[in-house]
Amino acid sequence: MTLCPVALAVGCSKCAIVSACPLKGVIGDYKAPEDAAKAQDAAKPGGDKPA
């Protein structure tokens, strides 16, 4: 659930203080780049199976 007004308006990635925000993963919509890649791989059919 996104509670931050900036995250609601434009998203955490466009916020001016995203690098200093201690709660970006708790009250905002921030996802670390490696977490986003894992989520995309898991969404693909057979994405979590080794080659």
N, C-alpha and C. Protein backbone atom coordinates (compact mmCIF):
# COMPACT_ATOMS: atom_id res chain seq x y z
N MET A 1 0.85 -1.18 0.00
CA MET A 1 0.00 0.00 0.00
C MET A 1 0.89 1.24 0.00
N THR A 2 0.69 2.10 -0.95
CA THR A 2 1.49 3.31 -1.07
C THR A 2 0.86 4.43 -0.26
N LEU A 3 1.63 4.97 0.68
CA LEU A 3 1.14 6.04 1.54
C LEU A 3 1.80 7.39 1.26
N CYS A 4 2.96 7.37 0.66
CA CYS A 4 3.69 8.61 0.40
C CYS A 4 2.99 9.42 -0.68
N PRO A 5 2.73 10.70 -0.46
CA PRO A 5 2.04 11.51 -1.47
C PRO A 5 2.86 11.68 -2.76
N VAL A 6 4.18 11.71 -2.66
CA VAL A 6 5.00 11.83 -3.86
C VAL A 6 4.93 10.53 -4.66
N ALA A 7 4.99 9.39 -3.96
CA ALA A 7 4.90 8.10 -4.65
C ALA A 7 3.54 7.93 -5.31
N LEU A 8 2.50 8.45 -4.69
CA LEU A 8 1.18 8.39 -5.29
C LEU A 8 1.10 9.24 -6.55
N ALA A 9 1.74 10.41 -6.52
CA ALA A 9 1.66 11.34 -7.65
C ALA A 9 2.55 10.94 -8.82
N VAL A 10 3.83 10.68 -8.55
CA VAL A 10 4.78 10.43 -9.64
C VAL A 10 5.58 9.15 -9.50
N GLY A 11 5.58 8.53 -8.32
CA GLY A 11 6.35 7.32 -8.10
C GLY A 11 7.66 7.62 -7.41
N CYS A 12 8.16 6.65 -6.69
CA CYS A 12 9.41 6.82 -5.94
C CYS A 12 10.60 7.14 -6.84
N SER A 13 10.66 6.51 -8.00
CA SER A 13 11.82 6.70 -8.87
C SER A 13 11.98 8.13 -9.36
N LYS A 14 10.91 8.91 -9.39
CA LYS A 14 10.98 10.30 -9.84
C LYS A 14 11.08 11.30 -8.69
N CYS A 15 11.08 10.80 -7.46
CA CYS A 15 11.17 11.67 -6.28
C CYS A 15 12.59 12.22 -6.15
N ALA A 16 12.69 13.46 -5.68
CA ALA A 16 13.99 14.11 -5.54
C ALA A 16 14.83 13.51 -4.42
N ILE A 17 14.21 12.91 -3.42
CA ILE A 17 14.98 12.39 -2.29
C ILE A 17 14.93 10.86 -2.19
N VAL A 18 14.73 10.18 -3.30
CA VAL A 18 14.61 8.72 -3.27
C VAL A 18 15.87 8.06 -2.70
N SER A 19 17.03 8.60 -2.96
CA SER A 19 18.27 8.00 -2.45
C SER A 19 18.41 8.17 -0.94
N ALA A 20 17.76 9.16 -0.36
CA ALA A 20 17.86 9.40 1.08
C ALA A 20 16.65 8.92 1.85
N CYS A 21 15.60 8.49 1.19
CA CYS A 21 14.36 8.10 1.85
C CYS A 21 14.53 6.76 2.57
N PRO A 22 14.36 6.73 3.89
CA PRO A 22 14.54 5.47 4.62
C PRO A 22 13.33 4.54 4.51
N LEU A 23 12.20 5.03 4.08
CA LEU A 23 10.99 4.23 4.05
C LEU A 23 10.44 4.00 2.64
N LYS A 24 11.27 4.18 1.62
CA LYS A 24 10.78 4.07 0.25
C LYS A 24 10.21 2.68 -0.06
N GLY A 25 10.71 1.65 0.56
CA GLY A 25 10.19 0.31 0.34
C GLY A 25 9.01 -0.03 1.22
N VAL A 26 8.76 0.80 2.25
CA VAL A 26 7.68 0.54 3.20
C VAL A 26 6.43 1.33 2.85
N ILE A 27 6.59 2.66 2.66
CA ILE A 27 5.42 3.50 2.40
C ILE A 27 5.31 3.93 0.95
N GLY A 28 6.33 3.60 0.15
CA GLY A 28 6.30 3.99 -1.26
C GLY A 28 6.20 2.80 -2.18
N ASP A 29 6.48 3.03 -3.47
CA ASP A 29 6.36 1.96 -4.46
C ASP A 29 7.72 1.54 -5.01
N TYR A 30 8.81 1.88 -4.29
CA TYR A 30 10.15 1.60 -4.77
C TYR A 30 10.44 0.11 -4.78
N LYS A 31 11.04 -0.36 -5.87
CA LYS A 31 11.51 -1.73 -5.98
C LYS A 31 12.95 -1.67 -6.46
N ALA A 32 13.83 -2.36 -5.77
CA ALA A 32 15.23 -2.38 -6.17
C ALA A 32 15.36 -3.01 -7.56
N PRO A 33 16.34 -2.58 -8.36
CA PRO A 33 16.47 -3.10 -9.73
C PRO A 33 16.58 -4.62 -9.80
N GLU A 34 17.31 -5.26 -8.88
CA GLU A 34 17.43 -6.71 -8.92
C GLU A 34 16.12 -7.39 -8.56
N ASP A 35 15.32 -6.77 -7.67
CA ASP A 35 14.01 -7.32 -7.33
C ASP A 35 13.06 -7.24 -8.52
N ALA A 36 13.14 -6.17 -9.27
CA ALA A 36 12.27 -6.00 -10.44
C ALA A 36 12.62 -7.04 -11.50
N ALA A 37 13.91 -7.32 -11.68
CA ALA A 37 14.33 -8.32 -12.67
C ALA A 37 13.85 -9.71 -12.26
N LYS A 38 13.93 -10.03 -10.97
CA LYS A 38 13.45 -11.33 -10.49
C LYS A 38 11.95 -11.47 -10.68
N ALA A 39 11.21 -10.41 -10.46
CA ALA A 39 9.76 -10.44 -10.61
C ALA A 39 9.39 -10.66 -12.08
N GLN A 40 10.13 -10.04 -12.99
CA GLN A 40 9.86 -10.23 -14.41
C GLN A 40 10.17 -11.67 -14.84
N ASP A 41 11.27 -12.22 -14.33
CA ASP A 41 11.63 -13.60 -14.67
C ASP A 41 10.61 -14.58 -14.12
N ALA A 42 10.11 -14.34 -12.93
CA ALA A 42 9.13 -15.22 -12.32
C ALA A 42 7.79 -15.16 -13.06
N ALA A 43 7.50 -14.03 -13.69
CA ALA A 43 6.24 -13.86 -14.41
C ALA A 43 6.26 -14.60 -15.75
N LYS A 44 7.45 -14.86 -16.28
CA LYS A 44 7.56 -15.57 -17.54
C LYS A 44 7.32 -17.06 -17.31
N PRO A 45 6.68 -17.73 -18.25
CA PRO A 45 6.51 -19.19 -18.12
C PRO A 45 7.87 -19.89 -18.14
N GLY A 46 8.16 -20.62 -17.09
CA GLY A 46 9.43 -21.33 -17.00
C GLY A 46 10.59 -20.43 -16.67
N GLY A 47 10.33 -19.22 -16.21
CA GLY A 47 11.39 -18.26 -15.92
C GLY A 47 12.22 -18.60 -14.71
N ASP A 48 11.69 -19.40 -13.80
CA ASP A 48 12.43 -19.73 -12.60
C ASP A 48 13.18 -21.06 -12.72
N LYS A 49 13.09 -21.72 -13.88
CA LYS A 49 13.76 -23.00 -14.08
C LYS A 49 15.15 -22.75 -14.65
N PRO A 50 16.16 -23.47 -14.17
CA PRO A 50 17.51 -23.31 -14.73
C PRO A 50 17.59 -23.87 -16.15
N ALA A 51 18.47 -23.30 -16.94
CA ALA A 51 18.59 -23.71 -18.34
C ALA A 51 19.36 -24.99 -18.50
